């Protein structure tokens, strides 16, 4: 007689599991509830990551706009004088 293969063993294990679950419906409900909770948590974390990525993109866009506005607050001539003073150069 041949040894049973992996597929036959898995089938036997699945049948045994289903027989146990038929006799104890509360245990089956708990298994189903755990899988549903796991699915919900995976979905929720995926949505959280997407929201966080969008928020990061919006913050970067806003910061670049703010940087552009602040760059125009000081005239170029004054900025050059400030840089020369910091370097220790004499003004012409």
PDB file of N, CA and C in Angstrom:
ATOM      1  N   UNK A   1       0.836  -1.177   0.000  1.00  0.00           N
ATOM      2  CA  UNK A   1       0.000   0.000   0.000  1.00  0.00           C
ATOM      3  C   UNK A   1       0.884   1.245   0.000  1.00  0.00           C
ATOM      4  N   UNK A   2       0.465   2.282  -0.734  1.00  0.00           N
ATOM      5  CA  UNK A   2       1.251   3.508  -0.867  1.00  0.00           C
ATOM      6  C   UNK A   2       0.984   4.441   0.315  1.00  0.00           C
ATOM      7  N   UNK A   3       1.990   5.257   0.625  1.00  0.00           N
ATOM      8  CA  UNK A   3       1.820   6.277   1.663  1.00  0.00           C
ATOM      9  C   UNK A   3       0.954   7.408   1.114  1.00  0.00           C
ATOM     10  N   UNK A   4       0.082   7.972   1.936  1.00  0.00           N
ATOM     11  CA  UNK A   4      -0.754   9.076   1.451  1.00  0.00           C
ATOM     12  C   UNK A   4       0.099  10.311   1.164  1.00  0.00           C
ATOM     13  N   UNK A   5      -0.272  11.063   0.136  1.00  0.00           N
ATOM     14  CA  UNK A   5       0.460  12.271  -0.239  1.00  0.00           C
ATOM     15  C   UNK A   5       0.064  13.461   0.619  1.00  0.00           C
ATOM     16  N   UNK A   6       0.713  14.557   0.349  1.00  0.00           N
ATOM     17  CA  UNK A   6       0.454  15.773   1.122  1.00  0.00           C
ATOM     18  C   UNK A   6      -0.977  16.270   0.897  1.00  0.00           C
ATOM     19  N   UNK A   7      -1.474  16.130  -0.319  1.00  0.00           N
ATOM     20  CA  UNK A   7      -2.829  16.594  -0.613  1.00  0.00           C
ATOM     21  C   UNK A   7      -3.860  15.777   0.168  1.00  0.00           C
ATOM     22  N   UNK A   8      -3.644  14.465   0.249  1.00  0.00           N
ATOM     23  CA  UNK A   8      -4.576  13.614   0.994  1.00  0.00           C
ATOM     24  C   UNK A   8      -4.542  13.937   2.482  1.00  0.00           C
ATOM     25  N   UNK A   9      -3.350  14.171   2.995  1.00  0.00           N
ATOM     26  CA  UNK A   9      -3.221  14.524   4.415  1.00  0.00           C
ATOM     27  C   UNK A   9      -3.893  15.858   4.698  1.00  0.00           C
ATOM     28  N   UNK A  10      -3.714  16.835   3.814  1.00  0.00           N
ATOM     29  CA  UNK A  10      -4.348  18.138   4.005  1.00  0.00           C
ATOM     30  C   UNK A  10      -5.864  17.987   3.939  1.00  0.00           C
ATOM     31  N   UNK A  11      -6.345  17.146   3.051  1.00  0.00           N
ATOM     32  CA  UNK A  11      -7.785  16.902   2.954  1.00  0.00           C
ATOM     33  C   UNK A  11      -8.331  16.273   4.218  1.00  0.00           C
ATOM     34  N   UNK A  12      -7.596  15.315   4.765  1.00  0.00           N
ATOM     35  CA  UNK A  12      -8.024  14.683   6.016  1.00  0.00           C
ATOM     36  C   UNK A  12      -8.047  15.696   7.160  1.00  0.00           C
ATOM     37  N   UNK A  13      -7.018  16.538   7.210  1.00  0.00           N
ATOM     38  CA  UNK A  13      -6.953  17.547   8.272  1.00  0.00           C
ATOM     39  C   UNK A  13      -8.103  18.541   8.129  1.00  0.00           C
ATOM     40  N   UNK A  14      -8.403  18.930   6.897  1.00  0.00           N
ATOM     41  CA  UNK A  14      -9.505  19.871   6.669  1.00  0.00           C
ATOM     42  C   UNK A  14     -10.839  19.236   7.066  1.00  0.00           C
ATOM     43  N   UNK A  15     -11.030  17.956   6.735  1.00  0.00           N
ATOM     44  CA  UNK A  15     -12.264  17.271   7.113  1.00  0.00           C
ATOM     45  C   UNK A  15     -12.390  17.169   8.631  1.00  0.00           C
ATOM     46  N   UNK A  16     -11.283  16.853   9.302  1.00  0.00           N
ATOM     47  CA  UNK A  16     -11.309  16.759  10.757  1.00  0.00           C
ATOM     48  C   UNK A  16     -11.639  18.116  11.375  1.00  0.00           C
ATOM     49  N   UNK A  17     -11.056  19.178  10.827  1.00  0.00           N
ATOM     50  CA  UNK A  17     -11.316  20.535  11.321  1.00  0.00           C
ATOM     51  C   UNK A  17     -12.787  20.889  11.137  1.00  0.00           C
ATOM     52  N   UNK A  18     -13.337  20.577   9.972  1.00  0.00           N
ATOM     53  CA  UNK A  18     -14.741  20.896   9.709  1.00  0.00           C
ATOM     54  C   UNK A  18     -15.678  20.082  10.606  1.00  0.00           C
ATOM     55  N   UNK A  19     -15.324  18.837  10.873  1.00  0.00           N
ATOM     56  CA  UNK A  19     -16.142  18.026  11.783  1.00  0.00           C
ATOM     57  C   UNK A  19     -16.164  18.634  13.183  1.00  0.00           C
ATOM     58  N   UNK A  20     -15.013  19.082  13.648  1.00  0.00           N
ATOM     59  CA  UNK A  20     -14.936  19.712  14.971  1.00  0.00           C
ATOM     60  C   UNK A  20     -15.756  20.994  14.982  1.00  0.00           C
ATOM     61  N   UNK A  21     -15.634  21.780  13.903  1.00  0.00           N
ATOM     62  CA  UNK A  21     -16.361  23.052  13.846  1.00  0.00           C
ATOM     63  C   UNK A  21     -17.877  22.843  13.751  1.00  0.00           C
ATOM     64  N   UNK A  22     -18.313  21.752  13.123  1.00  0.00           N
ATOM     65  CA  UNK A  22     -19.751  21.464  13.052  1.00  0.00           C
ATOM     66  C   UNK A  22     -20.314  21.156  14.429  1.00  0.00           C
ATOM     67  N   UNK A  23     -19.504  20.488  15.234  1.00  0.00           N
ATOM     68  CA  UNK A  23     -19.988  20.121  16.563  1.00  0.00           C
ATOM     69  C   UNK A  23     -19.909  21.280  17.553  1.00  0.00           C
ATOM     70  N   UNK A  24     -19.100  22.314  17.217  1.00  0.00           N
ATOM     71  CA  UNK A  24     -18.956  23.469  18.105  1.00  0.00           C
ATOM     72  C   UNK A  24     -19.107  24.760  17.291  1.00  0.00           C
ATOM     73  N   UNK A  25     -20.328  25.186  17.065  1.00  0.00           N
ATOM     74  CA  UNK A  25     -20.544  26.373  16.223  1.00  0.00           C
ATOM     75  C   UNK A  25     -19.969  27.661  16.815  1.00  0.00           C
ATOM     76  N   UNK A  26     -19.847  27.739  18.127  1.00  0.00           N
ATOM     77  CA  UNK A  26     -19.260  28.933  18.733  1.00  0.00           C
ATOM     78  C   UNK A  26     -17.791  29.067  18.336  1.00  0.00           C
ATOM     79  N   UNK A  27     -17.079  27.953  18.298  1.00  0.00           N
ATOM     80  CA  UNK A  27     -15.674  27.985  17.886  1.00  0.00           C
ATOM     81  C   UNK A  27     -15.572  28.420  16.424  1.00  0.00           C
ATOM     82  N   UNK A  28     -16.480  27.948  15.585  1.00  0.00           N
ATOM     83  CA  UNK A  28     -16.489  28.356  14.179  1.00  0.00           C
ATOM     84  C   UNK A  28     -16.760  29.850  14.066  1.00  0.00           C
ATOM     85  N   UNK A  29     -17.686  30.351  14.857  1.00  0.00           N
ATOM     86  CA  UNK A  29     -17.979  31.787  14.832  1.00  0.00           C
ATOM     87  C   UNK A  29     -16.760  32.601  15.261  1.00  0.00           C
ATOM     88  N   UNK A  30     -16.025  32.114  16.252  1.00  0.00           N
ATOM     89  CA  UNK A  30     -14.821  32.829  16.691  1.00  0.00           C
ATOM     90  C   UNK A  30     -13.744  32.840  15.608  1.00  0.00           C
ATOM     91  N   UNK A  31     -13.592  31.728  14.896  1.00  0.00           N
ATOM     92  CA  UNK A  31     -12.616  31.669  13.808  1.00  0.00           C
ATOM     93  C   UNK A  31     -12.995  32.659  12.714  1.00  0.00           C
ATOM     94  N   UNK A  32     -14.274  32.673  12.342  1.00  0.00           N
ATOM     95  CA  UNK A  32     -14.742  33.602  11.310  1.00  0.00           C
ATOM     96  C   UNK A  32     -14.560  35.041  11.772  1.00  0.00           C
ATOM     97  N   UNK A  33     -14.875  35.309  13.041  1.00  0.00           N
ATOM     98  CA  UNK A  33     -14.729  36.660  13.575  1.00  0.00           C
ATOM     99  C   UNK A  33     -13.261  37.096  13.563  1.00  0.00           C
ATOM    100  N   UNK A  34     -12.347  36.204  13.896  1.00  0.00           N
ATOM    101  CA  UNK A  34     -10.922  36.543  13.877  1.00  0.00           C
ATOM    102  C   UNK A  34     -10.448  36.882  12.468  1.00  0.00           C
ATOM    103  N   UNK A  35     -10.890  36.114  11.476  1.00  0.00           N
ATOM    104  CA  UNK A  35     -10.504  36.411  10.096  1.00  0.00           C
ATOM    105  C   UNK A  35     -11.099  37.744   9.644  1.00  0.00           C
ATOM    106  N   UNK A  36     -12.332  38.030  10.048  1.00  0.00           N
ATOM    107  CA  UNK A  36     -12.947  39.309   9.690  1.00  0.00           C
ATOM    108  C   UNK A  36     -12.194  40.469  10.334  1.00  0.00           C
ATOM    109  N   UNK A  37     -11.808  40.312  11.589  1.00  0.00           N
ATOM    110  CA  UNK A  37     -11.051  41.354  12.282  1.00  0.00           C
ATOM    111  C   UNK A  37      -9.689  41.561  11.628  1.00  0.00           C
ATOM    112  N   UNK A  38      -9.040  40.483  11.264  1.00  0.00           N
ATOM    113  CA  UNK A  38      -7.749  40.582  10.594  1.00  0.00           C
ATOM    114  C   UNK A  38      -7.889  41.337   9.266  1.00  0.00           C
ATOM    115  N   UNK A  39      -8.922  41.014   8.500  1.00  0.00           N
ATOM    116  CA  UNK A  39      -9.164  41.711   7.237  1.00  0.00           C
ATOM    117  C   UNK A  39      -9.419  43.190   7.448  1.00  0.00           C
ATOM    118  N   UNK A  40     -10.213  43.522   8.470  1.00  0.00           N
ATOM    119  CA  UNK A  40     -10.500  44.926   8.772  1.00  0.00           C
ATOM    120  C   UNK A  40      -9.228  45.678   9.156  1.00  0.00           C
ATOM    121  N   UNK A  41      -8.385  45.068   9.976  1.00  0.00           N
ATOM    122  CA  UNK A  41      -7.154  45.737  10.397  1.00  0.00           C
ATOM    123  C   UNK A  41      -6.207  45.959   9.227  1.00  0.00           C
ATOM    124  N   UNK A  42      -6.131  45.001   8.328  1.00  0.00           N
ATOM    125  CA  UNK A  42      -5.288  45.174   7.139  1.00  0.00           C
ATOM    126  C   UNK A  42      -5.822  46.323   6.289  1.00  0.00           C
ATOM    127  N   UNK A  43      -7.138  46.362   6.077  1.00  0.00           N
ATOM    128  CA  UNK A  43      -7.738  47.429   5.282  1.00  0.00           C
ATOM    129  C   UNK A  43      -7.514  48.794   5.941  1.00  0.00           C
ATOM    130  N   UNK A  44      -7.701  48.853   7.255  1.00  0.00           N
ATOM    131  CA  UNK A  44      -7.552  50.121   7.980  1.00  0.00           C
ATOM    132  C   UNK A  44      -6.113  50.637   7.903  1.00  0.00           C
ATOM    133  N   UNK A  45      -5.144  49.753   8.058  1.00  0.00           N
ATOM    134  CA  UNK A  45      -3.753  50.204   7.990  1.00  0.00           C
ATOM    135  C   UNK A  45      -3.399  50.662   6.576  1.00  0.00           C
ATOM    136  N   UNK A  46      -3.964  50.020   5.569  1.00  0.00           N
ATOM    137  CA  UNK A  46      -3.725  50.442   4.182  1.00  0.00           C
ATOM    138  C   UNK A  46      -4.285  51.849   3.953  1.00  0.00           C
ATOM    139  N   UNK A  47      -5.490  52.108   4.446  1.00  0.00           N
ATOM    140  CA  UNK A  47      -6.095  53.433   4.306  1.00  0.00           C
ATOM    141  C   UNK A  47      -5.283  54.482   5.066  1.00  0.00           C
ATOM    142  N   UNK A  48      -4.786  54.140   6.236  1.00  0.00           N
ATOM    143  CA  UNK A  48      -3.984  55.065   7.032  1.00  0.00           C
ATOM    144  C   UNK A  48      -2.709  55.450   6.291  1.00  0.00           C
ATOM    145  N   UNK A  49      -2.060  54.469   5.678  1.00  0.00           N
ATOM    146  CA  UNK A  49      -0.826  54.744   4.934  1.00  0.00           C
ATOM    147  C   UNK A  49      -1.119  55.661   3.751  1.00  0.00           C
ATOM    148  N   UNK A  50      -2.229  55.430   3.064  1.00  0.00           N
ATOM    149  CA  UNK A  50      -2.578  56.291   1.936  1.00  0.00           C
ATOM    150  C   UNK A  50      -2.865  57.721   2.394  1.00  0.00           C
ATOM    151  N   UNK A  51      -3.586  57.881   3.494  1.00  0.00           N
ATOM    152  CA  UNK A  51      -3.867  59.223   4.008  1.00  0.00           C
ATOM    153  C   UNK A  51      -2.590  59.929   4.422  1.00  0.00           C
ATOM    154  N   UNK A  52      -1.695  59.198   5.049  1.00  0.00           N
ATOM    155  CA  UNK A  52      -0.436  59.798   5.499  1.00  0.00           C
ATOM    156  C   UNK A  52       0.418  60.233   4.317  1.00  0.00           C
ATOM    157  N   UNK A  53       0.442  59.448   3.253  1.00  0.00           N
ATOM    158  CA  UNK A  53       1.201  59.816   2.063  1.00  0.00           C
ATOM    159  C   UNK A  53       0.625  61.079   1.428  1.00  0.00           C
ATOM    160  N   UNK A  54      -0.698  61.170   1.364  1.00  0.00           N
ATOM    161  CA  UNK A  54      -1.337  62.359   0.794  1.00  0.00           C
ATOM    162  C   UNK A  54      -1.049  63.585   1.653  1.00  0.00           C
ATOM    163  N   UNK A  55      -1.115  63.435   2.973  1.00  0.00           N
ATOM    164  CA  UNK A  55      -0.822  64.543   3.868  1.00  0.00           C
ATOM    165  C   UNK A  55       0.621  65.010   3.707  1.00  0.00           C
ATOM    166  N   UNK A  56       1.547  64.086   3.599  1.00  0.00           N
ATOM    167  CA  UNK A  56       2.954  64.443   3.403  1.00  0.00           C
ATOM    168  C   UNK A  56       3.137  65.227   2.106  1.00  0.00           C
ATOM    169  N   UNK A  57       2.448  64.794   1.065  1.00  0.00           N
ATOM    170  CA  UNK A  57       2.531  65.496  -0.218  1.00  0.00           C
ATOM    171  C   UNK A  57       1.972  66.915  -0.101  1.00  0.00           C
ATOM    172  N   UNK A  58       0.841  67.064   0.575  1.00  0.00           N
ATOM    173  CA  UNK A  58       0.246  68.388   0.756  1.00  0.00           C
ATOM    174  C   UNK A  58       1.146  69.303   1.588  1.00  0.00           C
ATOM    175  N   UNK A  59       1.763  68.763   2.631  1.00  0.00           N
ATOM    176  CA  UNK A  59       2.662  69.562   3.461  1.00  0.00           C
ATOM    177  C   UNK A  59       3.884  70.016   2.670  1.00  0.00           C
ATOM    178  N   UNK A  60       4.430  69.135   1.839  1.00  0.00           N
ATOM    179  CA  UNK A  60       5.590  69.504   1.025  1.00  0.00           C
ATOM    180  C   UNK A  60       5.224  70.591   0.025  1.00  0.00           C
ATOM    181  N   UNK A  61       4.051  70.489  -0.580  1.00  0.00           N
ATOM    182  CA  UNK A  61       3.603  71.508  -1.529  1.00  0.00           C
ATOM    183  C   UNK A  61       3.420  72.847  -0.827  1.00  0.00           C
ATOM    184  N   UNK A  62       2.787  72.828   0.339  1.00  0.00           N
ATOM    185  CA  UNK A  62       2.565  74.056   1.087  1.00  0.00           C
ATOM    186  C   UNK A  62       3.885  74.690   1.510  1.00  0.00           C
ATOM    187  N   UNK A  63       4.833  73.871   1.933  1.00  0.00           N
ATOM    188  CA  UNK A  63       6.130  74.392   2.357  1.00  0.00           C
ATOM    189  C   UNK A  63       6.869  75.038   1.199  1.00  0.00           C
ATOM    190  N   UNK A  64       6.789  74.445   0.018  1.00  0.00           N
ATOM    191  CA  UNK A  64       7.484  75.042  -1.128  1.00  0.00           C
ATOM    192  C   UNK A  64       6.848  76.382  -1.499  1.00  0.00           C
ATOM    193  N   UNK A  65       5.522  76.491  -1.381  1.00  0.00           N
ATOM    194  CA  UNK A  65       4.863  77.772  -1.650  1.00  0.00           C
ATOM    195  C   UNK A  65       5.274  78.824  -0.622  1.00  0.00           C
ATOM    196  N   UNK A  66       5.345  78.420   0.634  1.00  0.00           N
ATOM    197  CA  UNK A  66       5.758  79.335   1.696  1.00  0.00           C
ATOM    198  C   UNK A  66       7.196  79.778   1.483  1.00  0.00           C
ATOM    199  N   UNK A  67       8.068  78.855   1.111  1.00  0.00           N
ATOM    200  CA  UNK A  67       9.468  79.195   0.851  1.00  0.00           C
ATOM    201  C   UNK A  67       9.582  80.192  -0.291  1.00  0.00           C
ATOM    202  N   UNK A  68       8.768  80.010  -1.333  1.00  0.00           N
ATOM    203  CA  UNK A  68       8.807  80.934  -2.467  1.00  0.00           C
ATOM    204  C   UNK A  68       8.354  82.329  -2.041  1.00  0.00           C
ATOM    205  N   UNK A  69       7.318  82.412  -1.209  1.00  0.00           N
ATOM    206  CA  UNK A  69       6.856  83.719  -0.730  1.00  0.00           C
ATOM    207  C   UNK A  69       7.897  84.394   0.155  1.00  0.00           C
ATOM    208  N   UNK A  70       8.511  83.638   1.036  1.00  0.00           N
ATOM    209  CA  UNK A  70       9.511  84.212   1.931  1.00  0.00           C
ATOM    210  C   UNK A  70      10.765  84.649   1.182  1.00  0.00           C
ATOM    211  N   UNK A  71      11.093  83.958   0.110  1.00  0.00           N
ATOM    212  CA  UNK A  71      12.267  84.329  -0.674  1.00  0.00           C
ATOM    213  C   UNK A  71      12.090  85.693  -1.319  1.00  0.00           C
ATOM    214  N   UNK A  72      10.853  86.095  -1.575  1.00  0.00           N
ATOM    215  CA  UNK A  72      10.591  87.386  -2.210  1.00  0.00           C
ATOM    216  C   UNK A  72      10.376  88.516  -1.203  1.00  0.00           C
ATOM    217  N   UNK A  73      10.447  88.229   0.089  1.00  0.00           N
ATOM    218  CA  UNK A  73      10.226  89.259   1.102  1.00  0.00           C
ATOM    219  C   UNK A  73      11.399  90.231   1.200  1.00  0.00           C
ATOM    220  N   UNK A  74      12.605  89.756   1.016  1.00  0.00           N
ATOM    221  CA  UNK A  74      13.796  90.590   1.126  1.00  0.00           C
ATOM    222  C   UNK A  74      14.303  90.872  -0.287  1.00  0.00           C
ATOM    223  N   UNK A  75      14.483  92.160  -0.640  1.00  0.00           N
ATOM    224  CA  UNK A  75      14.986  92.470  -1.981  1.00  0.00           C
ATOM    225  C   UNK A  75      16.372  91.877  -2.206  1.00  0.00           C
ATOM    226  N   UNK A  76      16.675  91.574  -3.451  1.00  0.00           N
ATOM    227  CA  UNK A  76      17.941  90.929  -3.811  1.00  0.00           C
ATOM    228  C   UNK A  76      19.133  91.784  -3.401  1.00  0.00           C
ATOM    229  N   UNK A  77      19.029  93.109  -3.588  1.00  0.00           N
ATOM    230  CA  UNK A  77      20.133  94.006  -3.233  1.00  0.00           C
ATOM    231  C   UNK A  77      20.446  93.901  -1.743  1.00  0.00           C
ATOM    232  N   UNK A  78      19.406  93.924  -0.899  1.00  0.00           N
ATOM    233  CA  UNK A  78      19.616  93.819   0.547  1.00  0.00           C
ATOM    234  C   UNK A  78      20.196  92.460   0.921  1.00  0.00           C
ATOM    235  N   UNK A  79      19.729  91.418   0.260  1.00  0.00           N
ATOM    236  CA  UNK A  79      20.239  90.079   0.547  1.00  0.00           C
ATOM    237  C   UNK A  79      21.723  89.979   0.203  1.00  0.00           C
ATOM    238  N   UNK A  80      22.125  90.601  -0.912  1.00  0.00           N
ATOM    239  CA  UNK A  80      23.542  90.578  -1.287  1.00  0.00           C
ATOM    240  C   UNK A  80      24.385  91.324  -0.256  1.00  0.00           C
ATOM    241  N   UNK A  81      23.875  92.436   0.258  1.00  0.00           N
ATOM    242  CA  UNK A  81      24.602  93.176   1.297  1.00  0.00           C
ATOM    243  C   UNK A  81      24.746  92.345   2.565  1.00  0.00           C
ATOM    244  N   UNK A  82      23.683  91.652   2.933  1.00  0.00           N
ATOM    245  CA  UNK A  82      23.728  90.798   4.125  1.00  0.00           C
ATOM    246  C   UNK A  82      24.754  89.689   3.946  1.00  0.00           C
ATOM    247  N   UNK A  83      24.769  89.069   2.770  1.00  0.00           N
ATOM    248  CA  UNK A  83      25.732  87.990   2.520  1.00  0.00           C
ATOM    249  C   UNK A  83      27.159  88.506   2.527  1.00  0.00           C
ATOM    250  N   UNK A  84      27.374  89.695   1.943  1.00  0.00           N
ATOM    251  CA  UNK A  84      28.729  90.268   1.960  1.00  0.00           C
ATOM    252  C   UNK A  84      29.162  90.574   3.386  1.00  0.00           C
ATOM    253  N   UNK A  85      28.240  91.086   4.200  1.00  0.00           N
ATOM    254  CA  UNK A  85      28.564  91.402   5.598  1.00  0.00           C
ATOM    255  C   UNK A  85      28.902  90.141   6.374  1.00  0.00           C
ATOM    256  N   UNK A  86      28.190  89.070   6.082  1.00  0.00           N
ATOM    257  CA  UNK A  86      28.478  87.810   6.771  1.00  0.00           C
ATOM    258  C   UNK A  86      29.825  87.241   6.367  1.00  0.00           C
ATOM    259  N   UNK A  87      30.209  87.455   5.115  1.00  0.00           N
ATOM    260  CA  UNK A  87      31.498  86.956   4.645  1.00  0.00           C
ATOM    261  C   UNK A  87      32.653  87.852   5.074  1.00  0.00           C
ATOM    262  N   UNK A  88      32.345  89.072   5.507  1.00  0.00           N
ATOM    263  CA  UNK A  88      33.373  89.986   5.949  1.00  0.00           C
ATOM    264  C   UNK A  88      33.931  90.825   4.826  1.00  0.00           C
ATOM    265  N   UNK A  89      33.250  90.910   3.714  1.00  0.00           N
ATOM    266  CA  UNK A  89      33.701  91.724   2.595  1.00  0.00           C
ATOM    267  C   UNK A  89      33.290  93.169   2.819  1.00  0.00           C
ATOM    268  N   UNK A  90      34.051  94.072   2.233  1.00  0.00           N
ATOM    269  CA  UNK A  90      33.712  95.487   2.306  1.00  0.00           C
ATOM    270  C   UNK A  90      32.711  95.813   1.212  1.00  0.00           C
ATOM    271  N   UNK A  91      31.845  96.759   1.501  1.00  0.00           N
ATOM    272  CA  UNK A  91      30.852  97.165   0.498  1.00  0.00           C
ATOM    273  C   UNK A  91      31.517  98.088  -0.509  1.00  0.00           C
ATOM    274  N   UNK A  92      31.098  97.975  -1.802  1.00  0.00           N
ATOM    275  CA  UNK A  92      31.714  98.855  -2.818  1.00  0.00           C
ATOM    276  C   UNK A  92      31.259 100.285  -2.705  1.00  0.00           C
TER     277      UNK A  92
END
